[in-house]
Structure formats: structure tokens, C-alpha cells
C-alpha atoms as a PDB file:
ATOM      1  CA  MET A   1      -0.090   0.025  -0.131  1.00  0.00           C
ATOM      2  CA  ASN A   2       2.594   2.320   0.796  1.00  0.00           C
ATOM      3  CA  THR A   3       4.296   1.742  -2.504  1.00  0.00           C
ATOM      4  CA  ILE A   4       1.015   2.484  -4.244  1.00  0.00           C
ATOM      5  CA  LYS A   5       0.691   6.044  -2.366  1.00  0.00           C
ATOM      6  CA  LEU A   6       4.482   6.797  -3.166  1.00  0.00           C
ATOM      7  CA  PHE A   7       3.987   5.867  -7.061  1.00  0.00           C
ATOM      8  CA  GLY A   8       0.832   8.265  -7.002  1.00  0.00           C
ATOM      9  CA  LYS A   9       2.499  11.175  -5.093  1.00  0.00           C
ATOM     10  CA  LEU A  10       5.801  10.830  -7.335  1.00  0.00           C
ATOM     11  CA  THR A  11       3.709  10.971 -10.643  1.00  0.00           C
ATOM     12  CA  ILE A  12       1.824  13.860  -9.161  1.00  0.00           C
ATOM     13  CA  ALA A  13       5.001  15.593  -8.738  1.00  0.00           C
ATOM     14  CA  ALA A  14       6.610  14.632 -11.657  1.00  0.00           C
ATOM     15  CA  LEU A  15       3.292  15.783 -13.594  1.00  0.00           C
ATOM     16  CA  THR A  16       3.434  19.159 -11.567  1.00  0.00           C
ATOM     17  CA  LEU A  17       7.097  19.983 -12.650  1.00  0.00           C
ATOM     18  CA  LEU A  18       6.270  18.915 -16.363  1.00  0.00           C
ATOM     19  CA  PHE A  19       3.255  21.191 -16.191  1.00  0.00           C
ATOM     20  CA  ILE A  20       4.978  24.387 -14.730  1.00  0.00           C
ATOM     21  CA  SER A  21       7.915  23.774 -17.174  1.00  0.00           C
ATOM     22  CA  CYS A  22       5.759  23.269 -20.199  1.00  0.00           C
ATOM     23  CA  SER A  23       2.669  25.156 -19.760  1.00  0.00           C
ATOM     24  CA  GLY A  24       3.690  27.417 -22.668  1.00  0.00           C
ATOM     25  CA  ASP A  25       0.932  28.178 -25.287  1.00  0.00           C
ATOM     26  CA  ASP A  26       2.044  27.327 -28.626  1.00  0.00           C
ATOM     27  CA  ASN A  27      -1.168  28.026 -30.615  1.00  0.00           C
ATOM     28  CA  GLY A  28      -1.525  31.889 -29.871  1.00  0.00           C
ATOM     29  CA  GLY A  29      -3.793  31.644 -26.831  1.00  0.00           C
ATOM     30  CA  GLY A  30      -6.946  29.972 -28.670  1.00  0.00           C
ATOM     31  CA  GLY A  31      -8.249  26.673 -27.645  1.00  0.00           C
ATOM     32  CA  SER A  32      -8.841  25.534 -31.272  1.00  0.00           C
ATOM     33  CA  SER A  33     -10.503  21.862 -31.961  1.00  0.00           C
ATOM     34  CA  SER A  34      -7.057  20.348 -32.671  1.00  0.00           C
ATOM     35  CA  GLY A  35      -5.676  21.227 -29.682  1.00  0.00           C
ATOM     36  CA  GLY A  36      -5.433  19.626 -26.363  1.00  0.00           C
ATOM     37  CA  PHE A  37      -8.363  19.177 -23.794  1.00  0.00           C
ATOM     38  CA  VAL A  38      -9.426  17.286 -20.780  1.00  0.00           C
ATOM     39  CA  LYS A  39     -13.145  17.318 -19.742  1.00  0.00           C
ATOM     40  CA  ALA A  40     -15.115  15.776 -17.067  1.00  0.00           C
ATOM     41  CA  LYS A  41     -17.792  16.050 -14.529  1.00  0.00           C
ATOM     42  CA  VAL A  42     -16.349  15.948 -10.893  1.00  0.00           C
ATOM     43  CA  ASP A  43     -19.192  14.971  -8.212  1.00  0.00           C
ATOM     44  CA  GLY A  44     -21.337  16.413 -11.099  1.00  0.00           C
ATOM     45  CA  ALA A  45     -19.487  19.887 -12.062  1.00  0.00           C
ATOM     46  CA  ASN A  46     -17.862  20.871 -15.104  1.00  0.00           C
ATOM     47  CA  PHE A  47     -14.259  20.590 -15.225  1.00  0.00           C
ATOM     48  CA  SER A  48     -12.610  21.608 -18.587  1.00  0.00           C
ATOM     49  CA  SER A  49      -9.059  22.179 -19.637  1.00  0.00           C
ATOM     50  CA  THR A  50      -8.080  23.798 -22.849  1.00  0.00           C
ATOM     51  CA  SER A  51      -4.831  23.282 -25.066  1.00  0.00           C
ATOM     52  CA  GLN A  52      -2.774  25.976 -22.991  1.00  0.00           C
ATOM     53  CA  PHE A  53      -3.105  24.002 -19.817  1.00  0.00           C
ATOM     54  CA  VAL A  54      -2.688  20.258 -21.434  1.00  0.00           C
ATOM     55  CA  VAL A  55       0.624  18.274 -21.253  1.00  0.00           C
ATOM     56  CA  THR A  56       0.784  15.004 -22.880  1.00  0.00           C
ATOM     57  CA  VAL A  57       4.100  13.183 -23.338  1.00  0.00           C
ATOM     58  CA  LEU A  58       4.157   9.513 -25.092  1.00  0.00           C
ATOM     59  CA  GLY A  59       7.364   7.601 -24.870  1.00  0.00           C
ATOM     60  CA  GLU A  60       7.984   3.791 -25.053  1.00  0.00           C
ATOM     61  CA  GLY A  61       4.395   2.907 -24.577  1.00  0.00           C
ATOM     62  CA  ASN A  62       4.004   5.429 -21.411  1.00  0.00           C
ATOM     63  CA  LEU A  63       1.142   7.963 -21.714  1.00  0.00           C
ATOM     64  CA  VAL A  64       1.379  10.968 -19.168  1.00  0.00           C
ATOM     65  CA  LEU A  65      -1.308  13.292 -19.744  1.00  0.00           C
ATOM     66  CA  GLN A  66      -2.707  16.328 -17.830  1.00  0.00           C
ATOM     67  CA  GLY A  67      -5.032  19.027 -17.769  1.00  0.00           C
ATOM     68  CA  ALA A  68      -5.288  21.933 -15.427  1.00  0.00           C
ATOM     69  CA  LEU A  69      -6.983  24.714 -14.658  1.00  0.00           C
ATOM     70  CA  ALA A  70      -5.683  28.183 -14.155  1.00  0.00           C
ATOM     71  CA  ASN A  71      -5.735  27.561 -10.160  1.00  0.00           C
ATOM     72  CA  GLY A  72      -3.877  24.366 -10.358  1.00  0.00           C
ATOM     73  CA  THR A  73      -6.379  21.945  -9.846  1.00  0.00           C
ATOM     74  CA  SER A  74      -5.790  18.974 -12.572  1.00  0.00           C
ATOM     75  CA  ILE A  75      -6.850  15.565 -14.041  1.00  0.00           C
ATOM     76  CA  ALA A  76      -4.014  13.377 -14.703  1.00  0.00           C
ATOM     77  CA  ILE A  77      -4.194  10.302 -16.995  1.00  0.00           C
ATOM     78  CA  ASN A  78      -1.093   7.686 -16.848  1.00  0.00           C
ATOM     79  CA  VAL A  79      -1.337   4.619 -18.755  1.00  0.00           C
ATOM     80  CA  PHE A  80       2.088   2.497 -18.966  1.00  0.00           C
ATOM     81  CA  ALA A  81       2.382  -0.582 -21.312  1.00  0.00           C
ATOM     82  CA  PHE A  82       5.100  -2.974 -19.962  1.00  0.00           C
ATOM     83  CA  ASP A  83       5.649  -4.005 -23.644  1.00  0.00           C
ATOM     84  CA  GLY A  84       6.587  -0.587 -24.821  1.00  0.00           C
ATOM     85  CA  THR A  85       3.348  -0.557 -26.913  1.00  0.00           C
ATOM     86  CA  LEU A  86       0.313   1.587 -26.430  1.00  0.00           C
ATOM     87  CA  GLU A  87      -2.627   0.966 -28.491  1.00  0.00           C
ATOM     88  CA  THR A  88      -6.362   1.426 -28.787  1.00  0.00           C
ATOM     89  CA  GLY A  89      -8.333  -0.308 -26.092  1.00  0.00           C
ATOM     90  CA  THR A  90      -9.912  -0.313 -23.052  1.00  0.00           C
ATOM     91  CA  TYR A  91      -7.524  -0.071 -19.692  1.00  0.00           C
ATOM     92  CA  ASN A  92      -8.682  -0.979 -16.062  1.00  0.00           C
ATOM     93  CA  VAL A  93      -6.571   1.603 -14.047  1.00  0.00           C
ATOM     94  CA  GLY A  94      -8.078   0.910 -10.508  1.00  0.00           C
ATOM     95  CA  PHE A  95      -6.741  -0.896  -7.874  1.00  0.00           C
ATOM     96  CA  SER A  96      -7.873  -4.273  -8.724  1.00  0.00           C
ATOM     97  CA  ASN A  97      -6.057  -4.089 -12.093  1.00  0.00           C
ATOM     98  CA  ASN A  98      -3.909  -7.077 -12.142  1.00  0.00           C
ATOM     99  CA  SER A  99      -2.871  -7.178 -15.768  1.00  0.00           C
ATOM    100  CA  GLU A 100       0.647  -8.221 -16.966  1.00  0.00           C
ATOM    101  CA  GLN A 101       0.544  -5.820 -19.702  1.00  0.00           C
ATOM    102  CA  TYR A 102      -0.005  -2.385 -18.534  1.00  0.00           C
ATOM    103  CA  THR A 103      -0.487  -0.366 -15.392  1.00  0.00           C
ATOM    104  CA  GLY A 104      -1.979   2.974 -14.805  1.00  0.00           C
ATOM    105  CA  SER A 105      -3.888   5.360 -12.766  1.00  0.00           C
ATOM    106  CA  LEU A 106      -6.253   8.430 -13.049  1.00  0.00           C
ATOM    107  CA  SER A 107      -6.321  11.380 -10.408  1.00  0.00           C
ATOM    108  CA  TYR A 108      -8.123  14.559  -9.675  1.00  0.00           C
ATOM    109  CA  ASN A 109      -5.321  16.902  -7.746  1.00  0.00           C
ATOM    110  CA  VAL A 110      -6.923  19.602  -5.919  1.00  0.00           C
ATOM    111  CA  PHE A 111      -4.328  22.556  -4.928  1.00  0.00           C
ATOM    112  CA  SER A 112      -4.917  25.065  -2.103  1.00  0.00           C
ATOM    113  CA  GLY A 113      -1.997  27.365  -1.413  1.00  0.00           C
ATOM    114  CA  THR A 114       0.948  24.843  -0.911  1.00  0.00           C
ATOM    115  CA  THR A 115      -1.343  21.908  -0.076  1.00  0.00           C
ATOM    116  CA  ALA A 116      -2.481  19.350  -2.531  1.00  0.00           C
ATOM    117  CA  THR A 117      -5.179  16.880  -2.230  1.00  0.00           C
ATOM    118  CA  VAL A 118      -5.178  13.851  -4.455  1.00  0.00           C
ATOM    119  CA  TYR A 119      -8.018  11.437  -5.200  1.00  0.00           C
ATOM    120  CA  SER A 120      -6.507   8.598  -7.253  1.00  0.00           C
ATOM    121  CA  SER A 121      -7.900   5.464  -8.829  1.00  0.00           C
ATOM    122  CA  LEU A 122      -4.965   3.471  -7.623  1.00  0.00           C
ATOM    123  CA  GLY A 123      -4.371   4.608  -4.266  1.00  0.00           C
ATOM    124  CA  CYS A 124      -6.754   2.610  -2.011  1.00  0.00           C
ATOM    125  CA  ASP A 125      -8.197  -0.522  -2.272  1.00  0.00           C
ATOM    126  CA  ASN A 126     -11.908   0.173  -3.512  1.00  0.00           C
ATOM    127  CA  GLY A 127     -10.506   2.899  -6.129  1.00  0.00           C
ATOM    128  CA  THR A 128     -11.762   2.119  -9.666  1.00  0.00           C
ATOM    129  CA  GLY A 129     -11.042   3.508 -13.135  1.00  0.00           C
ATOM    130  CA  THR A 130     -10.938   3.189 -16.855  1.00  0.00           C
ATOM    131  CA  VAL A 131      -9.416   4.841 -19.732  1.00  0.00           C
ATOM    132  CA  GLU A 132     -10.387   4.096 -23.395  1.00  0.00           C
ATOM    133  CA  ILE A 133      -7.843   5.151 -25.914  1.00  0.00           C
ATOM    134  CA  THR A 134     -10.096   5.744 -29.054  1.00  0.00           C
ATOM    135  CA  ALA A 135      -7.275   7.070 -31.167  1.00  0.00           C
ATOM    136  CA  ILE A 136      -3.564   6.980 -31.258  1.00  0.00           C
ATOM    137  CA  ASP A 137      -1.141   8.084 -33.875  1.00  0.00           C
ATOM    138  CA  ALA A 138       2.194  10.143 -33.999  1.00  0.00           C
ATOM    139  CA  ASP A 139       0.344  13.619 -33.739  1.00  0.00           C
ATOM    140  CA  LYS A 140      -2.307  12.858 -30.881  1.00  0.00           C
ATOM    141  CA  VAL A 141      -3.872  10.737 -28.394  1.00  0.00           C
ATOM    142  CA  GLU A 142      -7.719  10.686 -27.802  1.00  0.00           C
ATOM    143  CA  GLY A 143     -10.115   8.908 -25.384  1.00  0.00           C
ATOM    144  CA  THR A 144     -12.825   8.812 -22.815  1.00  0.00           C
ATOM    145  CA  PHE A 145     -12.229   8.069 -18.800  1.00  0.00           C
ATOM    146  CA  SER A 146     -13.914   7.911 -15.577  1.00  0.00           C
ATOM    147  CA  PHE A 147     -12.983   6.983 -12.148  1.00  0.00           C
ATOM    148  CA  ASP A 148     -13.956   6.728  -8.501  1.00  0.00           C
ATOM    149  CA  GLY A 149     -10.745   8.330  -6.749  1.00  0.00           C
ATOM    150  CA  ARG A 150     -10.350   8.096  -3.015  1.00  0.00           C
ATOM    151  CA  GLU A 151      -8.039  10.751  -1.389  1.00  0.00           C
ATOM    152  CA  ILE A 152      -4.590   8.882  -0.986  1.00  0.00           C
ATOM    153  CA  GLU A 153      -3.605   9.969   2.417  1.00  0.00           C
ATOM    154  CA  ALA A 154      -6.617   8.082   4.294  1.00  0.00           C
ATOM    155  CA  CYS A 155      -8.661   6.150   1.765  1.00  0.00           C
ATOM    156  CA  SER A 156     -11.758   8.337   3.333  1.00  0.00           C
ATOM    157  CA  SER A 157     -13.206  10.806   1.045  1.00  0.00           C
ATOM    158  CA  THR A 158     -13.976  10.211  -2.599  1.00  0.00           C
ATOM    159  CA  LYS A 159     -14.444  12.054  -5.606  1.00  0.00           C
ATOM    160  CA  SER A 160     -16.689  10.726  -8.751  1.00  0.00           C
ATOM    161  CA  VAL A 161     -15.043  11.851 -11.933  1.00  0.00           C
ATOM    162  CA  THR A 162     -17.777  10.854 -15.037  1.00  0.00           C
ATOM    163  CA  ASN A 163     -18.090  11.552 -18.697  1.00  0.00           C
ATOM    164  CA  GLY A 164     -14.277  12.475 -19.083  1.00  0.00           C
ATOM    165  CA  THR A 165     -12.935  13.031 -22.373  1.00  0.00           C
ATOM    166  CA  PHE A 166      -9.492  13.813 -23.544  1.00  0.00           C
ATOM    167  CA  ARG A 167      -7.059  14.700 -26.489  1.00  0.00           C
ATOM    168  CA  GLY A 168      -3.388  15.193 -25.890  1.00  0.00           C
ATOM    169  CA  VAL A 169      -1.617  16.578 -28.936  1.00  0.00           C
ATOM    170  CA  PHE A 170       2.320  15.712 -29.011  1.00  0.00           C
ATOM    171  CA  ALA A 171       4.846  18.451 -29.400  1.00  0.00           C
ATOM    172  CA  ALA A 172       6.603  18.653 -32.674  1.00  0.00           C
ATOM    173  CA  ASN A 173      10.031  17.100 -32.727  1.00  0.00           C
END
């Protein structure tokens, strides 16, 4: 359990650093239809992050995608294919995942000052989550997601994230 919590905290720290260093907008400030986004309902409330606040990294079958709001609150999507190939399909990224082909997690991260509260599909024994990758190519990755995240410090409070959609656009090489 401590390993899972550590994995979750390290993932959030890495994504936060990546977000801070790569949050520049390459499309002139607009959220065009070809840009990245992360959208969902969090406990029934709309969450919508557009291209200037979306960071997408894909390498060796490992997808790390984070969409954030201006206040730092974010949704992170992580899928790691052990064989180095990530394909279209549905991935169970909840605590009960016992796949030998991949692992992953979904998290909703709330920042207040210097404090972060993380609700994860992976950190507690009753966390659930699904990521469906519907399209992936050299330019972008698209799909849907949903999860019931548990607050990873005490596994007590929950956030229900539904109707999630995402598009991550890869930086030009």
C-alpha cells in the first residue's frame, strides 16, 4: 500500500513539474478544435482544461497526460504499457488491475496554497478507473475516462469523475 501511495505522489510531483515547465501556449492563446483538452464532470460539476493547460507525453508505450485549470486543480491520466506499445483499447486503471501488460492511474488533484489533495483510482483498495484510448497516432491521443478516486492520504473521502474525454497533442519533434 505504501508503494502505491508513493507511486501516486511521485507521479503527481513529476506531472506538476512537467506542467510548470511546459505550460506555454504554442497556438497563440486559443483553444482550437485541434488542440488538447481534458473535460469531465467531478461530482457533477464541469471540469474543462484547454490546450494551454494540457501537457501530453508519450514515450515507449507510456502515456502521461495532465489537464489543469488556472488555479492548479488538475486531472492526470497515466497508462504504462510494459511491452512499450500503447494501443487503442480499454484499460482498467483501478486498484484491482492485475494485468501483466500495463498499469496506470487516474487522479484528480486539488491545490490550495501549497497543499495538494489527491484523489486517485489507484491509491486505495476500492479505487476504480477506466481509460479508453479511441485514437492514437504520431500527432495525438484521444479517448474517454471515468473513475471513483479515493483521497490517498487516508482513503476516506471520494471524488466521482464521469463523462471524461481527452485529446493530447504531441509536441513537434
